[in-house]
Amino acid sequence: MKLFKMGEDFVHPYIPNSVPSIKKKMLEEIGASSANELYAEMIPERLLMKRPMKLPNALPGELALRRHVERLFSGDKTTNDYISFLGAGCWQHYVPKVCEIIQSRSEFLTAYAGGSHSDLGRFQAVFEFQSLICELLDMEVSGIPTYDWGAAAGNSVRMASRITERKEILVPRNVSPARLQILENFCGSVNPGNAIRITKVEMDQETGRVDIEDLKSKMSNEIACVYFENPNYLGIIEADAKEISDIAHSVDAESVVGVDAISLGVLASPASFGADIACGEAQPLGIKMSAGGGSCGFIATRDELSYVAEFPMRLVSLATTSVEGEYGFGQALYERTSYMARENAKDWVGTTTALWGITAAVYMSLLGPKGMEELGETIIQKSNYTASLLEEIGGVDVPYGGFFKEFPVKFSKQVKDINESLLGHGIFGGKDISEEYPDLGDAALYCVTEMHSLDMIEKLDASLREVLA
């Protein structure tokens, strides 16, 4: 393909005001000789590309562009084509059509932030999300959702650090490695005096749960919080969650727990086992995976000023109006946010995932408490049935019980070779966790949800038997 020659006379087909005469007049108006002059103070010379970019010719129209993109996508294999047993932070769940319809409404889809003057019902919809997620978590206050579970966890431990005025947190090794990296990012600082130290707590190799004795040995009056996940990254339910919270509280530290929201139809709520701050992921609640995206992180706490004042995100709340008995929706303690306090804010949150929060609210309202319970029971039954089938295969071991939706599977062969062979059967095998958890050997994390029919599960069983024969 020919390359663009982006000289002074180049007119870009998709960028307005790229006609040379118009561009020249604009530069003269601001007193600049070239566009590059505008970036000179921001971009160091060493980072500048000294040659033209190697780009293909611009496509002549929308139809050609569509065909080009479709050709690129034709090589992809999706969960519509293959049976997927992947999870590990982004899970395949059923998305009711009404969720897509509501999230596509213009007042939600196109409303970037919105104030009281341009609300169009968005504040009320977000308030409904906050209310429903609090009911699910058995908490009292939640805010507009943030980027994903990792960002929610990072903000949560920073909240705990500010509340306790301490600079060390304890994190078990059975949390998501990806979220651990985000925690490390959030806890780091260019100023070493402001950094939060992360100390790892061992995983009990027999159960896959937090090693309680190791946790006890690392507690001190320097600990701001214990952050753990329930279910943890391996899908194992932390049966000692209440004890973990009690251990944290024994030194006046906070108990911070991360959860997969869809598990709470059947698992104990964070509040019931003593969590002070709950965070997690709402992607399973009616939000498509979107090539690994579609994430929606939330934070919730008790309705106490010491917690509410530390929320970095906006909080939509009820507000009185000039008409007695009527209420509107406003933002609580807005002055504490970076939108108002700017560089003096306690923390910072920019663009949020409010649209996904609205979508999750639609999903939760559709299912209700009974629907969430039935869904959770279905997921537990299907995942445990799948594990029982796989254990009967030679060269396969399911090391842990007591899981929700996900579970590790140990193999006698390398996981990458098994997964490559499974592709020939139209199956995405579990995520390879051999490097993340070397003590498990060749292991993969398998995910089973309500999306998996009996035929799909039995096809996995038969395919693995053939692959491992």
Protein backbone atom coordinates (compact mmCIF):
# COMPACT_ATOMS: atom_id res chain seq x y z
CA MET A 1 0.00 0.00 0.00
CA LYS A 2 1.12 3.55 -0.66
CA LEU A 3 2.14 5.74 2.22
CA PHE A 4 0.71 9.09 3.19
CA LYS A 5 2.92 12.01 2.19
CA MET A 6 1.94 14.50 4.81
CA GLY A 7 3.49 17.66 3.44
CA GLU A 8 2.28 21.22 3.81
CA ASP A 9 -0.29 20.71 1.08
CA PHE A 10 -1.82 17.55 2.60
CA VAL A 11 -5.58 17.69 3.25
CA HIS A 12 -6.71 15.02 5.72
CA PRO A 13 -10.05 13.46 4.72
CA TYR A 14 -11.29 13.10 8.32
CA ILE A 15 -9.81 16.10 10.14
CA PRO A 16 -11.57 19.48 9.84
CA ASN A 17 -9.58 22.62 9.05
CA SER A 18 -6.69 20.71 7.45
CA VAL A 19 -6.90 22.71 4.18
CA PRO A 20 -3.49 24.46 3.98
CA SER A 21 -4.91 27.97 3.51
CA ILE A 22 -7.27 27.58 6.50
CA LYS A 23 -4.55 26.08 8.66
CA LYS A 24 -2.17 28.91 7.75
CA LYS A 25 -4.75 31.54 8.69
CA MET A 26 -5.43 29.86 12.05
CA LEU A 27 -1.71 29.76 12.86
CA GLU A 28 -1.31 33.43 11.91
CA GLU A 29 -4.20 34.33 14.21
CA ILE A 30 -2.44 32.82 17.25
CA GLY A 31 1.04 33.91 16.21
CA ALA A 32 2.54 30.48 15.52
CA SER A 33 4.60 29.52 12.49
CA SER A 34 3.61 25.83 12.54
CA ALA A 35 1.54 23.32 14.47
CA ASN A 36 4.72 21.76 15.83
CA GLU A 37 5.50 25.01 17.58
CA LEU A 38 2.40 24.51 19.76
CA TYR A 39 3.79 21.25 21.14
CA ALA A 40 7.40 22.32 21.60
CA GLU A 41 7.07 23.04 25.33
CA MET A 42 5.15 19.81 26.07
CA ILE A 43 6.92 17.17 23.99
CA PRO A 44 10.70 16.74 24.43
CA GLU A 45 12.77 16.66 21.25
CA ARG A 46 13.91 13.10 22.00
CA LEU A 47 10.32 11.85 21.73
CA LEU A 48 9.58 13.39 18.35
CA MET A 49 9.34 11.14 15.30
CA LYS A 50 11.81 12.34 12.68
CA ARG A 51 10.10 10.70 9.70
CA PRO A 52 6.57 10.55 8.25
CA MET A 53 4.27 7.94 9.78
CA LYS A 54 3.81 4.84 7.65
CA LEU A 55 0.08 4.92 7.08
CA PRO A 56 -2.03 3.43 4.29
CA ASN A 57 -3.98 5.60 1.90
CA ALA A 58 -7.21 6.97 3.28
CA LEU A 59 -10.24 4.90 2.32
CA PRO A 60 -12.54 6.81 -0.03
CA GLY A 61 -15.82 6.36 1.85
CA GLU A 62 -17.82 4.78 4.65
CA LEU A 63 -18.66 1.61 2.69
CA ALA A 64 -14.99 0.92 1.92
CA LEU A 65 -14.08 1.59 5.54
CA ARG A 66 -16.78 -0.80 6.75
CA ARG A 67 -15.60 -3.56 4.44
CA HIS A 68 -11.99 -3.02 5.49
CA VAL A 69 -12.83 -3.28 9.20
CA GLU A 70 -15.03 -6.34 8.62
CA ARG A 71 -12.10 -8.05 6.87
CA LEU A 72 -9.94 -7.31 9.89
CA PHE A 73 -12.57 -8.68 12.27
CA SER A 74 -13.19 -11.79 10.19
CA GLY A 75 -10.14 -13.43 11.73
CA ASP A 76 -11.48 -13.07 15.27
CA LYS A 77 -13.10 -15.95 17.14
CA THR A 78 -15.64 -14.83 19.70
CA THR A 79 -17.83 -16.41 22.35
CA ASN A 80 -20.54 -16.53 19.68
CA ASP A 81 -18.34 -18.93 17.70
CA TYR A 82 -16.60 -20.85 20.48
CA ILE A 83 -17.61 -22.17 23.91
CA SER A 84 -15.69 -20.09 26.45
CA PHE A 85 -14.50 -21.16 29.89
CA LEU A 86 -12.47 -17.99 30.40
CA GLY A 87 -13.05 -15.63 33.32
CA ALA A 88 -10.40 -14.23 35.66
CA GLY A 89 -11.90 -10.74 35.87
CA CYS A 90 -14.16 -10.50 32.83
CA TRP A 91 -16.95 -13.07 32.70
CA GLN A 92 -19.55 -14.25 30.21
CA HIS A 93 -23.04 -13.80 31.63
CA TYR A 94 -26.40 -13.41 29.96
CA VAL A 95 -27.32 -9.81 29.11
CA PRO A 96 -31.09 -9.17 28.90
CA LYS A 97 -32.02 -7.15 25.83
CA VAL A 98 -33.69 -4.47 27.95
CA CYS A 99 -30.28 -3.63 29.46
CA GLU A 100 -28.96 -2.76 26.01
CA ILE A 101 -32.08 -0.78 25.13
CA ILE A 102 -31.98 1.38 28.27
CA GLN A 103 -28.22 2.04 28.07
CA SER A 104 -28.67 3.15 24.45
CA ARG A 105 -31.16 5.90 25.30
CA SER A 106 -29.73 9.24 24.27
CA GLU A 107 -30.16 10.91 27.68
CA PHE A 108 -27.88 8.22 29.16
CA LEU A 109 -25.58 7.33 26.28
CA THR A 110 -24.69 10.89 25.28
CA ALA A 111 -24.76 12.58 28.71
CA TYR A 112 -21.06 12.71 29.57
CA ALA A 113 -21.23 14.13 33.09
CA GLY A 114 -24.31 16.28 33.53
CA GLY A 115 -25.19 18.84 36.15
CA SER A 116 -28.50 19.72 37.73
CA HIS A 117 -29.24 21.91 34.69
CA SER A 118 -28.73 19.08 32.18
CA ASP A 119 -29.61 16.02 34.16
CA LEU A 120 -32.19 14.32 31.90
CA GLY A 121 -32.85 11.68 34.55
CA ARG A 122 -29.24 10.53 34.78
CA PHE A 123 -28.84 11.47 38.45
CA GLN A 124 -31.91 9.45 39.40
CA ALA A 125 -30.68 6.45 37.38
CA VAL A 126 -27.27 6.61 39.12
CA PHE A 127 -29.02 6.99 42.48
CA GLU A 128 -30.92 3.78 41.71
CA PHE A 129 -27.62 2.01 40.99
CA GLN A 130 -26.16 3.24 44.27
CA SER A 131 -29.26 2.11 46.17
CA LEU A 132 -29.40 -1.34 44.56
CA ILE A 133 -25.68 -2.04 44.94
CA CYS A 134 -25.91 -1.02 48.61
CA GLU A 135 -28.84 -3.40 49.11
CA LEU A 136 -26.84 -6.20 47.48
CA LEU A 137 -23.77 -5.47 49.65
CA ASP A 138 -25.79 -4.69 52.80
CA MET A 139 -24.03 -1.33 52.92
CA GLU A 140 -25.45 2.20 53.17
CA VAL A 141 -23.46 4.53 50.90
CA SER A 142 -22.09 4.08 47.40
CA GLY A 143 -21.01 6.49 44.69
CA ILE A 144 -20.92 6.82 40.93
CA PRO A 145 -18.94 3.79 39.69
CA THR A 146 -15.29 4.01 38.74
CA TYR A 147 -13.27 2.34 35.98
CA ASP A 148 -13.15 -1.26 37.20
CA TRP A 149 -12.61 -3.49 40.23
CA GLY A 150 -8.90 -2.68 40.29
CA ALA A 151 -9.49 1.08 40.44
CA ALA A 152 -12.18 0.58 43.09
CA ALA A 153 -9.78 -1.51 45.16
CA GLY A 154 -7.02 1.07 44.76
CA ASN A 155 -9.30 3.90 45.88
CA SER A 156 -10.63 1.78 48.76
CA VAL A 157 -7.23 1.05 50.31
CA ARG A 158 -6.26 4.71 49.93
CA MET A 159 -9.47 5.64 51.77
CA ALA A 160 -8.50 3.22 54.53
CA SER A 161 -5.01 4.73 54.72
CA ARG A 162 -6.43 8.24 55.12
CA ILE A 163 -8.99 7.13 57.73
CA THR A 164 -6.41 5.33 59.88
CA GLU A 165 -3.49 7.64 59.06
CA ARG A 166 -1.36 4.54 58.46
CA LYS A 167 0.84 3.56 55.51
CA GLU A 168 0.87 -0.24 55.27
CA ILE A 169 -1.73 -2.67 53.93
CA LEU A 170 -1.88 -6.47 53.94
CA VAL A 171 -2.87 -8.28 50.73
CA PRO A 172 -3.15 -12.09 50.37
CA ARG A 173 -1.44 -13.83 47.48
CA ASN A 174 -4.75 -15.27 46.28
CA VAL A 175 -6.04 -11.91 45.02
CA SER A 176 -6.06 -11.19 41.30
CA PRO A 177 -2.49 -10.55 40.07
CA ALA A 178 -3.83 -7.88 37.70
CA ARG A 179 -5.60 -6.10 40.57
CA LEU A 180 -2.49 -6.43 42.71
CA GLN A 181 -0.55 -4.52 40.03
CA ILE A 182 -3.20 -1.80 40.08
CA LEU A 183 -3.01 -1.67 43.89
CA GLU A 184 0.75 -1.24 43.65
CA ASN A 185 0.21 1.60 41.20
CA PHE A 186 -2.34 3.32 43.44
CA CYS A 187 -0.19 2.85 46.53
CA GLY A 188 3.00 4.14 44.95
CA SER A 189 4.07 7.77 45.05
CA VAL A 190 6.79 9.97 43.62
CA ASN A 191 7.19 11.11 47.21
CA PRO A 192 8.35 8.06 49.24
CA GLY A 193 6.85 9.59 52.38
CA ASN A 194 3.36 9.33 50.87
CA ALA A 195 3.68 5.80 49.51
CA ILE A 196 1.62 2.99 51.01
CA ARG A 197 3.58 -0.20 51.63
CA ILE A 198 1.99 -3.49 50.51
CA THR A 199 2.86 -6.60 52.51
CA LYS A 200 1.86 -9.99 51.08
CA VAL A 201 0.02 -12.60 53.13
CA GLU A 202 0.48 -16.25 52.19
CA MET A 203 -2.18 -18.49 50.69
CA ASP A 204 -3.04 -21.76 52.41
CA GLN A 205 -1.94 -24.33 49.81
CA GLU A 206 -4.38 -26.93 51.16
CA THR A 207 -7.51 -24.80 50.84
CA GLY A 208 -6.66 -21.94 48.44
CA ARG A 209 -7.85 -19.50 51.11
CA VAL A 210 -6.02 -16.86 53.16
CA ASP A 211 -3.41 -18.32 55.53
CA ILE A 212 -4.90 -17.09 58.81
CA GLU A 213 -1.80 -17.77 60.89
CA ASP A 214 0.42 -15.84 58.49
CA LEU A 215 -2.10 -12.98 58.53
CA LYS A 216 -2.00 -12.87 62.33
CA SER A 217 1.79 -12.83 62.36
CA LYS A 218 1.89 -9.74 60.13
CA MET A 219 -0.64 -7.61 61.98
CA SER A 220 0.65 -4.52 63.77
CA ASN A 221 -0.40 -1.02 64.75
CA GLU A 222 1.06 0.18 61.42
CA ILE A 223 -1.53 -1.65 59.32
CA ALA A 224 -4.14 0.55 57.64
CA CYS A 225 -6.24 -2.29 56.27
CA VAL A 226 -6.43 -5.88 55.16
CA TYR A 227 -7.60 -6.15 51.55
CA PHE A 228 -8.94 -9.54 50.50
CA GLU A 229 -11.35 -10.89 47.88
CA ASN A 230 -14.38 -13.11 48.42
CA PRO A 231 -14.58 -15.21 46.30
CA ASN A 232 -10.87 -14.85 45.73
CA TYR A 233 -9.15 -14.84 42.35
CA LEU A 234 -9.17 -18.65 42.27
CA GLY A 235 -12.91 -18.65 42.83
CA ILE A 236 -12.59 -20.03 46.36
CA ILE A 237 -15.03 -18.71 48.96
CA GLU A 238 -13.17 -17.28 51.96
CA ALA A 239 -14.96 -19.21 54.70
CA ASP A 240 -12.90 -17.34 57.32
CA ALA A 241 -13.98 -13.88 56.13
CA LYS A 242 -15.42 -12.95 59.54
CA GLU A 243 -12.20 -13.97 61.26
CA ILE A 244 -10.13 -11.95 58.75
CA SER A 245 -12.19 -8.85 59.55
CA ASP A 246 -11.90 -9.49 63.29
CA ILE A 247 -8.11 -9.80 62.99
CA ALA A 248 -7.95 -6.48 61.15
CA HIS A 249 -10.16 -4.80 63.74
CA SER A 250 -8.00 -6.15 66.58
CA VAL A 251 -5.37 -3.52 65.68
CA ASP A 252 -7.94 -0.86 64.65
CA ALA A 253 -7.27 -1.50 60.96
CA GLU A 254 -9.98 -1.47 58.30
CA SER A 255 -11.37 -4.58 56.65
CA VAL A 256 -11.61 -3.98 52.90
CA VAL A 257 -13.16 -6.71 50.75
CA GLY A 258 -13.46 -7.02 46.99
CA VAL A 259 -16.40 -8.97 45.58
CA ASP A 260 -17.91 -10.19 42.32
CA ALA A 261 -21.36 -8.59 42.65
CA ILE A 262 -23.20 -11.49 41.03
CA SER A 263 -22.10 -13.84 43.82
CA LEU A 264 -24.06 -11.95 46.46
CA GLY A 265 -27.36 -13.62 45.65
CA VAL A 266 -26.04 -16.68 47.50
CA LEU A 267 -22.93 -15.61 49.44
CA ALA A 268 -22.84 -13.63 52.67
CA SER A 269 -22.75 -9.87 52.24
CA PRO A 270 -19.54 -7.97 53.08
CA ALA A 271 -21.30 -6.18 55.96
CA SER A 272 -22.34 -9.49 57.52
CA PHE A 273 -18.71 -10.54 58.04
CA GLY A 274 -17.48 -7.18 59.26
CA ALA A 275 -16.16 -5.44 56.16
CA ASP A 276 -15.78 -1.67 56.59
CA ILE A 277 -15.30 -0.90 52.89
CA ALA A 278 -16.63 -3.10 50.10
CA CYS A 279 -15.58 -2.76 46.48
CA GLY A 280 -15.76 -4.89 43.39
CA GLU A 281 -16.91 -5.47 39.85
CA ALA A 282 -20.40 -4.97 38.39
CA GLN A 283 -19.55 -6.20 34.86
CA PRO A 284 -21.51 -9.46 35.41
CA LEU A 285 -24.66 -7.41 36.05
CA GLY A 286 -25.94 -7.01 32.50
CA ILE A 287 -22.76 -5.64 30.90
CA LYS A 288 -21.21 -7.34 27.87
CA MET A 289 -17.55 -8.32 27.93
CA SER A 290 -16.66 -6.02 24.99
CA ALA A 291 -13.29 -7.61 24.16
CA GLY A 292 -12.28 -7.59 27.82
CA GLY A 293 -13.89 -4.22 28.59
CA GLY A 294 -17.27 -3.32 29.99
CA SER A 295 -15.80 -3.03 33.49
CA CYS A 296 -17.60 -1.18 36.26
CA GLY A 297 -16.01 -0.76 39.69
CA PHE A 298 -17.96 0.22 42.79
CA ILE A 299 -17.23 1.21 46.40
CA ALA A 300 -19.65 1.10 49.33
CA THR A 301 -19.40 1.83 53.07
CA ARG A 302 -21.47 2.56 56.14
CA ASP A 303 -23.23 5.93 56.31
CA GLU A 304 -20.68 7.58 58.57
CA LEU A 305 -19.00 10.89 57.82
CA SER A 306 -15.53 9.44 58.40
CA TYR A 307 -16.10 7.17 55.37
CA VAL A 308 -18.29 9.41 53.22
CA ALA A 309 -15.78 12.29 53.46
CA GLU A 310 -13.09 10.02 51.98
CA PHE A 311 -15.00 8.91 48.87
CA PRO A 312 -13.10 10.20 45.82
CA MET A 313 -16.04 9.86 43.43
CA ARG A 314 -19.26 11.82 43.18
CA LEU A 315 -22.17 10.73 45.40
CA VAL A 316 -25.69 11.28 44.10
CA SER A 317 -28.19 11.79 46.90
CA LEU A 318 -31.74 13.01 47.52
CA ALA A 319 -32.22 16.73 47.98
CA THR A 320 -35.19 18.77 49.14
CA THR A 321 -36.89 21.19 46.76
CA SER A 322 -38.83 24.40 47.20
CA VAL A 323 -42.02 22.33 47.17
CA GLU A 324 -42.68 20.62 50.49
CA GLY A 325 -42.76 16.84 50.17
CA GLU A 326 -41.01 16.79 46.81
CA TYR A 327 -37.40 15.77 46.30
CA GLY A 328 -34.78 16.06 43.63
CA PHE A 329 -31.31 14.61 43.17
CA GLY A 330 -28.09 16.40 44.00
CA GLN A 331 -24.46 15.66 44.80
CA ALA A 332 -23.45 15.07 48.40
CA LEU A 333 -20.35 16.78 49.81
CA TYR A 334 -19.37 17.78 46.28
CA GLU A 335 -16.68 20.10 47.65
CA ARG A 336 -14.53 17.09 48.69
CA THR A 337 -14.08 15.90 45.07
CA SER A 338 -11.32 16.77 42.63
CA TYR A 339 -13.96 18.53 40.52
CA MET A 340 -14.14 21.24 43.19
CA ALA A 341 -11.00 20.94 45.33
CA ARG A 342 -8.77 20.24 42.28
CA GLU A 343 -5.17 19.63 43.39
CA ASN A 344 -6.16 19.96 47.06
CA ALA A 345 -8.60 17.03 46.87
CA LYS A 346 -7.83 13.96 48.96
CA ASP A 347 -7.94 11.78 45.87
CA TRP A 348 -8.80 12.01 42.20
CA VAL A 349 -11.35 10.37 39.90
CA GLY A 350 -12.01 11.58 36.38
CA THR A 351 -14.19 9.96 33.74
CA THR A 352 -16.42 7.31 35.33
CA THR A 353 -18.37 4.30 34.13
CA ALA A 354 -21.75 5.78 35.04
CA LEU A 355 -23.39 4.32 31.91
CA TRP A 356 -22.47 0.81 33.03
CA GLY A 357 -23.77 1.61 36.50
CA ILE A 358 -27.14 2.52 34.99
CA THR A 359 -27.06 -0.74 33.01
CA ALA A 360 -26.27 -2.72 36.18
CA ALA A 361 -29.18 -0.99 37.93
CA VAL A 362 -31.53 -2.18 35.17
CA TYR A 363 -30.19 -5.73 35.56
CA MET A 364 -30.53 -5.79 39.35
CA SER A 365 -34.05 -4.37 39.19
CA LEU A 366 -35.05 -7.06 36.68
CA LEU A 367 -33.78 -9.98 38.74
CA GLY A 368 -34.60 -8.75 42.22
CA PRO A 369 -33.43 -10.63 45.35
CA LYS A 370 -35.07 -13.93 44.35
CA GLY A 371 -33.68 -13.82 40.83
CA MET A 372 -30.15 -13.10 42.10
CA GLU A 373 -30.47 -16.04 44.48
CA GLU A 374 -31.67 -18.42 41.77
CA LEU A 375 -28.92 -17.25 39.43
CA GLY A 376 -26.24 -17.77 42.08
CA GLU A 377 -27.52 -21.26 42.86
CA THR A 378 -27.48 -22.14 39.16
CA ILE A 379 -23.88 -20.96 38.78
CA ILE A 380 -22.72 -22.92 41.84
CA GLN A 381 -24.47 -26.09 40.64
CA LYS A 382 -23.10 -25.86 37.10
CA SER A 383 -19.53 -25.02 38.14
CA ASN A 384 -19.42 -27.81 40.73
CA TYR A 385 -20.90 -30.31 38.27
CA THR A 386 -18.26 -29.36 35.71
CA ALA A 387 -15.49 -29.79 38.28
CA SER A 388 -16.80 -33.23 39.26
CA LEU A 389 -16.74 -34.36 35.62
CA LEU A 390 -13.21 -33.07 35.02
CA GLU A 391 -11.85 -34.79 38.13
CA GLU A 392 -12.74 -38.16 36.62
CA ILE A 393 -10.39 -37.55 33.68
CA GLY A 394 -6.93 -39.05 33.90
CA GLY A 395 -4.24 -36.39 34.27
CA VAL A 396 -6.68 -33.84 35.73
CA ASP A 397 -7.03 -32.67 39.32
CA VAL A 398 -9.35 -30.05 40.84
CA PRO A 399 -7.37 -29.16 44.01
CA TYR A 400 -9.91 -27.00 45.85
CA GLY A 401 -13.57 -27.19 46.77
CA GLY A 402 -15.89 -24.51 48.11
CA PHE A 403 -15.82 -22.27 45.05
CA PHE A 404 -18.20 -19.98 43.18
CA LYS A 405 -18.14 -19.85 39.38
CA GLU A 406 -14.36 -20.30 38.97
CA PHE A 407 -11.96 -23.01 40.04
CA PRO A 408 -8.36 -24.00 39.23
CA VAL A 409 -7.70 -27.22 37.34
CA LYS A 410 -4.30 -28.95 37.40
CA PHE A 411 -3.13 -30.89 34.35
CA SER A 412 -0.46 -33.45 33.58
CA LYS A 413 0.40 -31.54 30.38
CA GLN A 414 1.24 -27.91 29.71
CA VAL A 415 -1.87 -25.73 29.69
CA LYS A 416 -0.83 -23.82 26.57
CA ASP A 417 -0.72 -27.07 24.60
CA ILE A 418 -4.08 -28.20 26.00
CA ASN A 419 -5.71 -24.87 25.19
CA GLU A 420 -4.31 -24.91 21.67
CA SER A 421 -5.80 -28.36 21.13
CA LEU A 422 -9.15 -27.29 22.61
CA LEU A 423 -9.38 -24.54 19.98
CA GLY A 424 -9.67 -27.33 17.43
CA HIS A 425 -12.79 -28.44 19.29
CA GLY A 426 -14.30 -24.96 19.26
CA ILE A 427 -13.49 -24.31 22.93
CA PHE A 428 -11.64 -21.54 24.75
CA GLY A 429 -9.99 -23.37 27.66
CA GLY A 430 -9.39 -21.82 31.08
CA LYS A 431 -6.86 -19.08 31.69
CA ASP A 432 -3.33 -20.39 32.10
CA ILE A 433 -2.25 -19.54 35.68
CA SER A 434 0.88 -21.73 35.71
CA GLU A 435 3.20 -18.74 36.01
CA GLU A 436 0.96 -16.83 38.43
CA TYR A 437 0.74 -19.80 40.80
CA PRO A 438 3.78 -22.03 40.13
CA ASP A 439 3.00 -24.12 43.24
CA LEU A 440 -0.05 -25.47 41.39
CA GLY A 441 2.10 -26.69 38.49
CA ASP A 442 0.42 -26.72 35.08
CA ALA A 443 -2.92 -25.17 36.00
CA ALA A 444 -5.74 -23.22 34.41
CA LEU A 445 -8.58 -21.19 35.91
CA TYR A 446 -11.93 -22.39 34.57
CA CYS A 447 -15.12 -20.32 34.68
CA VAL A 448 -18.65 -21.77 34.45
CA THR A 449 -21.74 -19.56 34.50
CA GLU A 450 -25.44 -19.74 33.67
CA MET A 451 -24.39 -19.42 30.01
CA HIS A 452 -23.04 -22.98 29.94
CA SER A 453 -25.58 -25.62 28.96
CA LEU A 454 -25.25 -29.30 29.83
CA ASP A 455 -24.21 -29.98 26.22
CA MET A 456 -21.40 -27.41 26.47
CA ILE A 457 -20.11 -28.87 29.73
CA GLU A 458 -20.19 -32.40 28.38
CA LYS A 459 -18.41 -31.27 25.20
CA LEU A 460 -15.60 -29.87 27.36
CA ASP A 461 -15.42 -33.18 29.22
CA ALA A 462 -15.25 -35.22 26.01
CA SER A 463 -12.76 -32.83 24.37
CA LEU A 464 -10.38 -32.88 27.33
CA ARG A 465 -10.50 -36.66 27.43
CA GLU A 466 -9.48 -36.73 23.78
CA VAL A 467 -6.79 -34.07 24.20
CA LEU A 468 -5.25 -35.77 27.25
CA ALA A 469 -5.47 -39.34 25.90
